[in-house]
N, C-alpha and C. Protein backbone atom coordinates (compact mmCIF):
# COMPACT_ATOMS: atom_id res chain seq x y z
N MET A 1 17.92 -75.04 12.85
CA MET A 1 17.91 -73.83 12.12
C MET A 1 19.36 -74.01 11.97
N GLU A 2 19.99 -73.54 11.10
CA GLU A 2 21.22 -73.06 10.52
C GLU A 2 22.07 -71.94 11.33
N GLU A 3 23.26 -72.62 11.99
CA GLU A 3 23.72 -70.67 12.88
C GLU A 3 24.10 -69.89 11.49
N ASN A 4 24.05 -68.61 12.00
CA ASN A 4 24.43 -67.32 11.23
C ASN A 4 22.72 -67.21 10.34
N THR A 5 21.69 -67.47 11.06
CA THR A 5 20.93 -67.47 9.72
C THR A 5 20.10 -66.46 10.83
N ILE A 6 19.38 -65.45 10.09
CA ILE A 6 18.78 -64.46 10.57
C ILE A 6 17.31 -64.29 10.36
N VAL A 7 16.30 -64.49 11.32
CA VAL A 7 15.10 -64.74 10.89
C VAL A 7 14.60 -63.37 10.84
N GLY A 8 14.71 -62.21 11.48
CA GLY A 8 13.92 -61.14 11.28
C GLY A 8 14.68 -59.86 11.94
N LEU A 9 14.37 -58.87 11.84
CA LEU A 9 14.76 -57.48 12.26
C LEU A 9 13.60 -56.72 13.03
N GLY A 10 13.62 -55.89 14.24
CA GLY A 10 12.40 -55.10 14.78
C GLY A 10 12.94 -54.94 15.80
N GLU A 11 12.56 -54.11 16.35
CA GLU A 11 11.39 -53.05 15.55
C GLU A 11 12.15 -51.81 14.74
N LEU A 12 11.88 -51.87 13.24
CA LEU A 12 12.27 -50.52 12.69
C LEU A 12 11.03 -50.20 12.41
N GLY A 13 11.12 -48.42 12.99
CA GLY A 13 10.11 -47.78 12.49
C GLY A 13 10.08 -45.95 12.21
N ARG A 14 9.17 -45.42 12.74
CA ARG A 14 9.36 -44.13 12.26
C ARG A 14 8.72 -43.58 13.80
N PRO A 15 9.23 -41.88 13.74
CA PRO A 15 8.72 -40.87 15.07
C PRO A 15 7.36 -41.17 15.14
N HIS A 16 7.25 -41.43 16.29
CA HIS A 16 5.66 -41.33 16.96
C HIS A 16 4.73 -40.08 17.41
N LEU A 17 5.72 -39.05 17.04
CA LEU A 17 4.83 -38.09 17.34
C LEU A 17 6.06 -36.48 16.28
N ASP A 18 5.01 -35.43 16.65
CA ASP A 18 5.57 -34.38 15.35
C ASP A 18 7.07 -34.54 15.24
N VAL A 19 7.37 -34.01 13.89
CA VAL A 19 8.41 -33.90 14.17
C VAL A 19 8.81 -33.20 12.83
N ASP A 20 10.43 -32.15 12.96
CA ASP A 20 9.87 -31.67 11.68
C ASP A 20 10.50 -31.97 10.43
N LYS A 21 9.90 -31.80 8.96
CA LYS A 21 9.97 -32.27 8.03
C LYS A 21 11.28 -32.74 7.47
N SER A 22 12.34 -32.09 8.17
CA SER A 22 13.75 -33.02 7.57
C SER A 22 13.64 -34.70 8.33
N VAL A 23 13.14 -34.28 9.84
CA VAL A 23 13.47 -35.23 10.18
C VAL A 23 12.79 -36.78 9.92
N TRP A 24 11.26 -36.48 9.21
CA TRP A 24 10.45 -37.22 9.03
C TRP A 24 11.30 -38.02 7.94
N ASP A 25 11.74 -36.68 6.83
CA ASP A 25 12.20 -37.71 5.52
C ASP A 25 13.52 -38.50 5.76
N LEU A 26 14.17 -37.70 6.84
CA LEU A 26 15.37 -38.69 7.34
C LEU A 26 15.10 -40.44 7.57
N SER A 27 13.67 -39.98 8.90
CA SER A 27 13.42 -41.62 9.37
C SER A 27 13.13 -42.53 7.98
N ASN A 28 11.79 -42.27 6.93
CA ASN A 28 11.80 -42.45 5.94
C ASN A 28 12.73 -42.95 5.24
N GLN A 29 14.14 -42.86 5.03
CA GLN A 29 15.26 -43.04 4.44
C GLN A 29 15.68 -43.98 4.88
N VAL A 30 16.17 -44.02 6.37
CA VAL A 30 16.56 -44.71 7.13
C VAL A 30 15.66 -46.44 7.06
N LEU A 31 14.49 -46.12 7.16
CA LEU A 31 13.75 -47.27 7.26
C LEU A 31 13.52 -47.95 5.89
N LEU A 32 13.59 -47.39 4.57
CA LEU A 32 13.48 -47.45 3.34
C LEU A 32 14.98 -48.62 3.13
N GLU A 33 16.25 -48.13 3.71
CA GLU A 33 17.54 -48.69 3.88
C GLU A 33 17.62 -49.90 4.40
N SER A 34 17.18 -49.99 5.36
CA SER A 34 17.02 -50.71 6.55
C SER A 34 16.28 -51.43 5.73
N LEU A 35 14.80 -51.64 4.86
CA LEU A 35 14.27 -52.80 4.55
C LEU A 35 15.19 -53.28 2.86
N LYS A 36 16.13 -52.43 2.74
CA LYS A 36 16.89 -53.01 1.46
C LYS A 36 17.87 -54.09 2.13
N ARG A 37 18.53 -54.18 3.38
CA ARG A 37 19.64 -54.69 3.89
C ARG A 37 18.53 -56.15 3.97
N ALA A 38 17.53 -55.71 5.16
CA ALA A 38 16.64 -57.06 5.75
C ALA A 38 16.31 -58.13 4.23
N ARG A 39 16.27 -57.52 2.78
CA ARG A 39 15.67 -57.70 2.02
C ARG A 39 16.91 -58.89 1.56
N ASP A 40 17.92 -57.97 1.65
CA ASP A 40 19.05 -59.06 1.24
C ASP A 40 20.02 -59.80 1.88
N VAL A 41 19.32 -60.08 2.78
CA VAL A 41 20.01 -61.58 4.25
C VAL A 41 18.57 -62.10 4.25
N ASP A 42 17.50 -62.01 3.84
CA ASP A 42 16.28 -62.55 3.81
C ASP A 42 15.27 -62.62 5.15
N ALA A 43 15.41 -61.61 5.59
CA ALA A 43 14.88 -61.38 7.24
C ALA A 43 13.40 -60.87 7.28
N ALA A 44 12.44 -60.98 7.59
CA ALA A 44 11.11 -60.72 7.83
C ALA A 44 11.30 -59.43 9.08
N VAL A 45 10.82 -58.39 8.70
CA VAL A 45 10.95 -57.20 9.06
C VAL A 45 9.65 -56.82 10.21
N VAL A 46 9.90 -56.33 11.50
CA VAL A 46 8.55 -55.71 12.44
C VAL A 46 8.52 -54.64 12.18
N LEU A 47 7.90 -53.34 12.18
CA LEU A 47 7.73 -52.23 12.18
C LEU A 47 6.89 -51.75 13.78
N HIS A 48 7.21 -50.49 14.18
CA HIS A 48 6.81 -49.89 15.16
C HIS A 48 6.80 -48.86 14.65
N THR A 49 5.69 -48.14 14.44
CA THR A 49 5.91 -47.04 13.96
C THR A 49 4.49 -46.17 14.78
N GLU A 50 3.82 -45.36 14.00
CA GLU A 50 2.82 -44.12 14.32
C GLU A 50 1.55 -45.69 14.44
N SER A 51 0.29 -45.33 14.66
CA SER A 51 -0.90 -45.63 14.58
C SER A 51 -1.23 -45.63 13.38
N GLY A 52 -1.52 -47.05 12.86
CA GLY A 52 -1.61 -47.91 11.25
C GLY A 52 -2.54 -47.06 11.15
N THR A 53 -3.02 -46.10 10.50
CA THR A 53 -4.31 -46.10 9.61
C THR A 53 -4.06 -46.54 8.51
N PRO A 54 -5.18 -46.35 7.28
CA PRO A 54 -4.63 -46.82 6.03
C PRO A 54 -3.82 -45.82 5.27
N LYS A 55 -3.82 -44.66 5.56
CA LYS A 55 -2.97 -43.99 4.91
C LYS A 55 -1.84 -44.21 5.46
N VAL A 56 -1.18 -44.58 6.78
CA VAL A 56 -0.02 -44.70 7.33
C VAL A 56 0.46 -46.45 6.67
N MET A 57 -0.53 -47.07 6.60
CA MET A 57 -0.30 -48.73 5.85
C MET A 57 0.37 -48.29 4.58
N SER A 58 -0.27 -47.44 4.01
CA SER A 58 0.00 -47.23 1.77
C SER A 58 1.19 -46.56 1.96
N GLU A 59 1.70 -45.68 2.94
CA GLU A 59 2.58 -44.87 3.06
C GLU A 59 4.29 -46.03 2.82
N LEU A 60 3.99 -47.16 4.11
CA LEU A 60 5.04 -48.50 4.23
C LEU A 60 4.83 -49.05 4.01
N SER A 61 3.53 -49.62 3.02
CA SER A 61 3.64 -50.20 1.95
C SER A 61 4.05 -49.92 0.18
N ASP A 62 4.38 -48.64 0.31
CA ASP A 62 5.23 -47.77 -0.65
C ASP A 62 6.68 -47.57 -0.55
N ILE A 63 7.17 -47.76 0.75
CA ILE A 63 8.49 -47.21 1.05
C ILE A 63 8.66 -48.89 1.37
N ALA A 64 7.93 -50.25 1.56
CA ALA A 64 8.16 -51.38 0.97
C ALA A 64 8.41 -51.57 -0.33
N SER A 65 7.58 -51.21 -1.09
CA SER A 65 7.95 -51.38 -2.65
C SER A 65 9.29 -50.49 -3.43
N LYS A 66 9.39 -49.66 -2.98
CA LYS A 66 10.84 -48.85 -3.05
C LYS A 66 11.76 -49.62 -2.54
N ALA A 67 11.81 -50.52 -1.92
CA ALA A 67 12.89 -51.55 -1.19
C ALA A 67 12.92 -52.42 -1.82
N ASN A 68 11.81 -53.00 -2.76
CA ASN A 68 11.80 -54.39 -3.52
C ASN A 68 11.67 -55.57 -2.59
N PHE A 69 10.91 -54.83 -0.90
CA PHE A 69 10.44 -55.94 0.06
C PHE A 69 9.51 -56.72 -0.02
N SER A 70 9.19 -57.79 0.12
CA SER A 70 8.13 -58.41 0.31
C SER A 70 7.06 -58.18 1.54
N LYS A 71 5.85 -57.33 0.76
CA LYS A 71 4.94 -56.96 2.17
C LYS A 71 4.59 -58.25 2.75
N LYS A 72 4.50 -59.69 2.74
CA LYS A 72 4.17 -60.60 2.81
C LYS A 72 5.40 -61.06 4.12
N ARG A 73 6.37 -60.24 4.59
CA ARG A 73 7.17 -60.33 5.40
C ARG A 73 7.60 -59.13 6.35
N LEU A 74 6.47 -58.35 6.07
CA LEU A 74 6.74 -56.85 6.71
C LEU A 74 5.46 -57.37 7.58
N VAL A 75 5.39 -56.86 8.91
CA VAL A 75 4.68 -56.97 10.01
C VAL A 75 4.37 -56.09 10.60
N LYS A 76 3.03 -54.87 10.61
CA LYS A 76 2.63 -53.93 11.11
C LYS A 76 2.62 -54.19 13.14
N HIS A 77 3.56 -54.40 13.79
CA HIS A 77 3.40 -54.17 15.10
C HIS A 77 2.59 -53.39 16.01
N TYR A 78 1.79 -53.91 17.14
CA TYR A 78 0.96 -52.82 17.66
C TYR A 78 -0.60 -52.11 16.44
N GLY A 79 -0.83 -53.25 15.63
CA GLY A 79 -2.01 -53.21 14.75
C GLY A 79 -3.06 -52.64 15.13
N GLY A 80 -4.12 -52.33 15.11
CA GLY A 80 -4.91 -51.74 15.69
C GLY A 80 -6.46 -52.13 14.51
N PRO A 81 -7.81 -52.35 14.75
CA PRO A 81 -8.36 -51.90 13.55
C PRO A 81 -8.13 -51.48 12.31
N GLN A 82 -7.63 -49.85 12.83
CA GLN A 82 -7.47 -48.69 11.82
C GLN A 82 -6.35 -49.61 10.79
N SER A 83 -5.29 -50.51 10.97
CA SER A 83 -4.44 -51.16 10.57
C SER A 83 -4.80 -52.08 9.52
N ILE A 84 -5.76 -53.20 9.95
CA ILE A 84 -6.20 -53.92 8.99
C ILE A 84 -8.03 -53.41 8.43
N GLU A 85 -7.95 -52.26 8.67
CA GLU A 85 -9.02 -52.03 7.64
C GLU A 85 -8.85 -52.33 5.79
N ASN A 86 -7.75 -51.42 5.99
CA ASN A 86 -6.90 -51.57 4.39
C ASN A 86 -5.32 -51.95 4.67
N PRO A 87 -4.93 -53.01 4.87
CA PRO A 87 -3.22 -53.00 5.49
C PRO A 87 -2.34 -53.35 4.16
N SER A 88 -2.85 -52.74 2.84
CA SER A 88 -1.85 -52.49 1.79
C SER A 88 -0.80 -53.93 1.90
N GLU A 89 -1.31 -55.00 2.09
CA GLU A 89 -0.20 -56.14 1.76
C GLU A 89 0.26 -56.38 2.65
N ILE A 90 0.52 -55.54 4.12
CA ILE A 90 1.13 -55.63 5.07
C ILE A 90 0.54 -56.71 6.34
N VAL A 91 1.50 -57.39 6.28
CA VAL A 91 0.88 -58.21 7.59
C VAL A 91 0.57 -57.24 9.06
N VAL A 92 -0.80 -57.56 9.74
CA VAL A 92 -1.22 -56.62 10.39
C VAL A 92 -0.86 -57.44 12.34
N SER A 93 -0.24 -57.50 13.33
CA SER A 93 -0.37 -58.24 14.37
C SER A 93 -1.10 -57.34 15.79
N MET A 94 -1.78 -57.60 15.15
CA MET A 94 -3.14 -57.21 16.40
C MET A 94 -2.79 -57.55 17.88
N ILE A 95 -2.72 -56.28 18.52
CA ILE A 95 -2.74 -56.80 20.68
C ILE A 95 -3.83 -58.04 20.61
N SER A 96 -3.83 -58.77 21.50
CA SER A 96 -4.67 -59.57 21.47
C SER A 96 -5.90 -58.96 22.43
N SER A 97 -6.94 -58.28 22.57
CA SER A 97 -7.69 -57.91 22.93
C SER A 97 -9.09 -58.48 22.22
N SER A 98 -9.94 -58.92 23.13
CA SER A 98 -11.26 -59.17 22.40
C SER A 98 -11.76 -58.69 21.24
N THR A 99 -11.84 -57.39 21.59
CA THR A 99 -12.99 -56.30 20.45
C THR A 99 -11.72 -56.62 19.09
N ASN A 100 -9.88 -56.43 19.23
CA ASN A 100 -9.67 -56.73 18.00
C ASN A 100 -9.35 -57.92 17.32
N ILE A 101 -9.53 -59.09 18.23
CA ILE A 101 -9.90 -60.16 17.16
C ILE A 101 -11.06 -60.29 16.76
N GLU A 102 -12.13 -59.73 17.36
CA GLU A 102 -13.64 -60.07 17.05
C GLU A 102 -13.76 -59.43 15.48
N PHE A 103 -12.76 -58.00 15.43
CA PHE A 103 -13.06 -57.01 14.03
C PHE A 103 -11.85 -57.92 13.44
N ALA A 104 -11.00 -57.88 13.73
CA ALA A 104 -9.96 -58.87 12.66
C ALA A 104 -10.75 -59.85 12.11
N SER A 105 -11.25 -60.62 12.71
CA SER A 105 -11.88 -61.83 12.44
C SER A 105 -12.84 -61.92 11.11
N LYS A 106 -13.30 -60.65 11.23
CA LYS A 106 -14.07 -59.89 10.15
C LYS A 106 -13.92 -60.03 8.66
N THR A 107 -12.66 -59.69 8.85
CA THR A 107 -11.65 -59.10 7.46
C THR A 107 -11.51 -60.00 7.16
N GLU A 108 -10.67 -59.97 5.95
CA GLU A 108 -10.46 -60.81 4.89
C GLU A 108 -9.09 -61.00 4.90
N PHE A 109 -8.32 -60.18 5.70
CA PHE A 109 -6.78 -59.99 5.46
C PHE A 109 -5.92 -61.01 6.78
N ASP A 110 -4.64 -61.26 6.59
CA ASP A 110 -3.94 -62.03 7.26
C ASP A 110 -3.66 -60.89 8.59
N PHE A 111 -3.43 -61.63 9.97
CA PHE A 111 -3.12 -60.93 10.83
C PHE A 111 -2.55 -62.27 12.07
N MET A 112 -2.43 -61.28 13.04
CA MET A 112 -1.20 -62.64 13.70
C MET A 112 -2.04 -61.51 15.16
N LEU A 113 -1.70 -62.27 16.09
CA LEU A 113 -2.01 -61.53 17.83
C LEU A 113 -0.60 -61.44 18.47
N GLU A 114 -0.52 -60.33 19.93
CA GLU A 114 0.38 -60.19 20.05
C GLU A 114 0.10 -59.80 20.92
N THR A 115 0.70 -59.37 22.75
CA THR A 115 1.17 -59.21 23.36
C THR A 115 1.87 -58.04 23.43
N ASP A 116 1.86 -57.03 24.86
CA ASP A 116 2.93 -56.02 24.82
C ASP A 116 2.81 -55.15 26.01
N TYR A 117 3.57 -54.86 26.65
CA TYR A 117 3.63 -53.73 27.78
C TYR A 117 2.44 -52.78 27.10
N LEU A 118 1.82 -52.18 28.21
CA LEU A 118 0.80 -51.23 27.71
C LEU A 118 1.52 -50.03 28.34
N ASP A 119 1.69 -48.92 27.26
CA ASP A 119 2.11 -47.30 27.35
C ASP A 119 1.03 -46.92 28.13
N ASP A 120 0.61 -46.44 29.14
CA ASP A 120 -0.57 -46.34 29.94
C ASP A 120 -0.31 -45.20 31.15
N PRO A 121 -0.11 -44.08 31.12
CA PRO A 121 0.19 -43.35 32.24
C PRO A 121 -0.29 -43.48 33.51
N LYS A 122 -1.92 -43.87 32.91
CA LYS A 122 -3.00 -44.29 34.07
C LYS A 122 -2.61 -45.29 34.89
N ARG A 123 -2.10 -46.93 34.34
CA ARG A 123 -1.62 -48.06 34.82
C ARG A 123 -0.45 -48.11 34.42
N PRO A 124 0.22 -47.75 34.83
CA PRO A 124 1.53 -48.07 35.48
C PRO A 124 1.94 -49.71 35.95
N GLY A 125 3.12 -50.41 34.58
CA GLY A 125 3.12 -51.44 34.83
C GLY A 125 2.33 -52.43 34.34
N ALA A 126 1.28 -51.49 33.59
CA ALA A 126 0.51 -53.10 33.07
C ALA A 126 1.04 -53.90 31.89
N VAL A 127 0.60 -54.64 32.16
CA VAL A 127 1.32 -56.02 30.81
C VAL A 127 0.16 -56.94 30.28
N MET A 128 0.12 -57.25 29.38
CA MET A 128 -0.51 -58.33 28.97
C MET A 128 0.50 -59.45 28.45
N GLY A 129 0.19 -60.43 29.50
CA GLY A 129 1.36 -61.52 29.40
C GLY A 129 1.06 -62.83 28.38
N PRO A 130 2.02 -63.15 28.73
CA PRO A 130 2.07 -64.18 27.48
C PRO A 130 1.14 -65.22 27.23
N LYS A 131 0.58 -65.44 28.43
CA LYS A 131 -0.91 -66.55 28.38
C LYS A 131 -1.94 -65.95 27.62
N THR A 132 -2.24 -64.03 27.26
CA THR A 132 -3.28 -63.57 27.04
C THR A 132 -3.35 -64.18 25.30
N VAL A 133 -3.05 -64.29 24.79
CA VAL A 133 -3.05 -64.86 22.99
C VAL A 133 -3.41 -66.34 23.33
N PRO A 134 -2.98 -67.38 23.66
CA PRO A 134 -3.56 -68.65 23.58
C PRO A 134 -5.02 -68.15 24.56
N ARG A 135 -5.45 -67.58 25.49
CA ARG A 135 -6.25 -67.56 26.11
C ARG A 135 -7.43 -66.78 25.38
N LYS A 136 -6.99 -66.15 24.77
CA LYS A 136 -8.04 -64.63 24.03
C LYS A 136 -8.31 -65.96 22.79
N THR A 137 -7.75 -66.73 22.43
CA THR A 137 -7.83 -67.08 21.07
C THR A 137 -8.71 -68.54 21.64
N PHE A 138 -8.67 -69.26 22.51
CA PHE A 138 -9.37 -69.94 22.66
C PHE A 138 -10.89 -69.94 23.28
N LYS A 139 -10.36 -68.51 23.40
CA LYS A 139 -12.11 -67.70 23.75
C LYS A 139 -13.02 -67.56 22.93
N ALA A 140 -11.96 -66.83 21.95
CA ALA A 140 -12.48 -66.82 20.03
C ALA A 140 -13.34 -67.67 19.76
N ILE A 141 -12.69 -69.16 19.81
CA ILE A 141 -13.08 -70.09 19.36
C ILE A 141 -14.29 -70.65 20.15
N GLU A 142 -14.33 -70.70 21.34
CA GLU A 142 -15.44 -71.16 21.98
C GLU A 142 -16.68 -70.30 21.67
N ASN A 143 -16.17 -68.93 21.54
CA ASN A 143 -17.74 -68.12 21.16
C ASN A 143 -18.14 -67.68 19.90
N SER A 144 -16.98 -69.08 18.90
CA SER A 144 -17.69 -68.56 17.73
C SER A 144 -17.16 -67.60 16.55
N ILE A 145 -16.36 -66.90 17.77
CA ILE A 145 -15.83 -65.47 16.30
C ILE A 145 -14.75 -66.27 15.39
N LEU A 146 -13.29 -66.65 15.69
CA LEU A 146 -12.80 -67.43 15.63
C LEU A 146 -13.05 -69.04 14.68
N SER A 147 -12.55 -69.39 13.77
CA SER A 147 -13.04 -70.70 13.57
C SER A 147 -11.37 -71.56 13.76
N ASP A 148 -11.48 -72.57 14.00
CA ASP A 148 -10.26 -73.81 13.93
C ASP A 148 -8.94 -73.24 12.58
N GLU A 149 -9.50 -72.93 11.93
CA GLU A 149 -9.12 -72.76 10.37
C GLU A 149 -8.33 -71.44 10.73
N GLN A 150 -9.08 -70.34 10.96
CA GLN A 150 -8.81 -69.27 11.08
C GLN A 150 -7.63 -68.93 12.65
N ALA A 151 -7.24 -69.65 13.40
CA ALA A 151 -6.54 -69.96 14.45
C ALA A 151 -5.57 -70.52 14.17
N TYR A 152 -5.48 -71.76 13.37
CA TYR A 152 -4.32 -72.03 12.89
C TYR A 152 -3.83 -71.07 11.76
N ASN A 153 -4.21 -70.31 10.75
CA ASN A 153 -3.37 -69.29 10.20
C ASN A 153 -3.08 -68.40 11.29
N ILE A 154 -3.77 -67.81 11.88
CA ILE A 154 -2.92 -66.40 12.87
C ILE A 154 -1.91 -67.39 13.73
N HIS A 155 -1.66 -68.60 14.51
CA HIS A 155 -0.53 -68.74 14.95
C HIS A 155 0.47 -69.85 14.26
N THR A 156 0.31 -70.45 13.16
CA THR A 156 0.95 -71.03 12.44
C THR A 156 1.65 -71.30 10.89
N ARG A 157 0.06 -70.73 10.06
CA ARG A 157 0.59 -70.41 8.68
C ARG A 157 1.28 -69.47 8.40
N ILE A 158 0.60 -68.39 9.35
CA ILE A 158 0.76 -66.82 8.63
C ILE A 158 2.43 -66.67 9.31
N PRO A 159 2.52 -67.21 10.57
CA PRO A 159 3.68 -66.77 11.24
C PRO A 159 4.71 -67.48 10.36
N ASN A 160 4.78 -68.94 9.94
CA ASN A 160 5.26 -69.52 9.26
C ASN A 160 5.64 -68.90 8.00
N SER A 161 4.75 -68.16 6.82
CA SER A 161 4.68 -67.22 6.03
C SER A 161 5.66 -66.24 6.13
N VAL A 162 5.66 -65.56 7.23
CA VAL A 162 6.51 -64.60 7.20
C VAL A 162 7.69 -64.81 7.69
N TYR A 163 8.01 -65.98 8.60
CA TYR A 163 9.37 -65.71 9.31
C TYR A 163 9.60 -67.10 9.26
N ARG A 164 9.53 -68.03 8.36
CA ARG A 164 10.10 -69.23 7.39
C ARG A 164 9.04 -70.41 8.37
N ASN A 165 8.86 -71.29 7.74
CA ASN A 165 8.52 -72.37 8.46
C ASN A 165 9.90 -73.33 9.40
N PHE A 166 9.74 -73.13 10.36
CA PHE A 166 10.62 -73.85 11.32
C PHE A 166 10.41 -75.23 11.59
N ASP A 167 9.32 -76.06 10.96
CA ASP A 167 9.29 -77.46 11.01
C ASP A 167 10.69 -78.24 10.56
């Protein structure tokens, strides 16, 4: 990879709690301008937003369209089942729980898998470690939840498409 090449920006987002309309509108404007700048430097973007309901995914897709930003290079971080019900052309990155993998595997939409620190006050310090994704992938293949082709897409084709092929 060339020096001074940008791969992606993250985590860009919006407030995760109720805010005044003026703050909300400004947050959407900042996201729009950020997507324009990411487009100009050919960078992928990872979004950290409120829960990805179909309505939220549609709103994010609309902002990407206004920025003329490719939704195939836009990733909804911490996506759950609602994010992938109708992702509005945005790539969803699912927390690699068995439930999420099974749900996503039955959709027609592209998704990736991720780990994350768990923000659960009842479980301080809880983490899904880096071995979670391969372990859950192999388990899903063994249990015929994911095909080899789906695993290849999740871990190779889709990331290469979003972040560029690094071969």
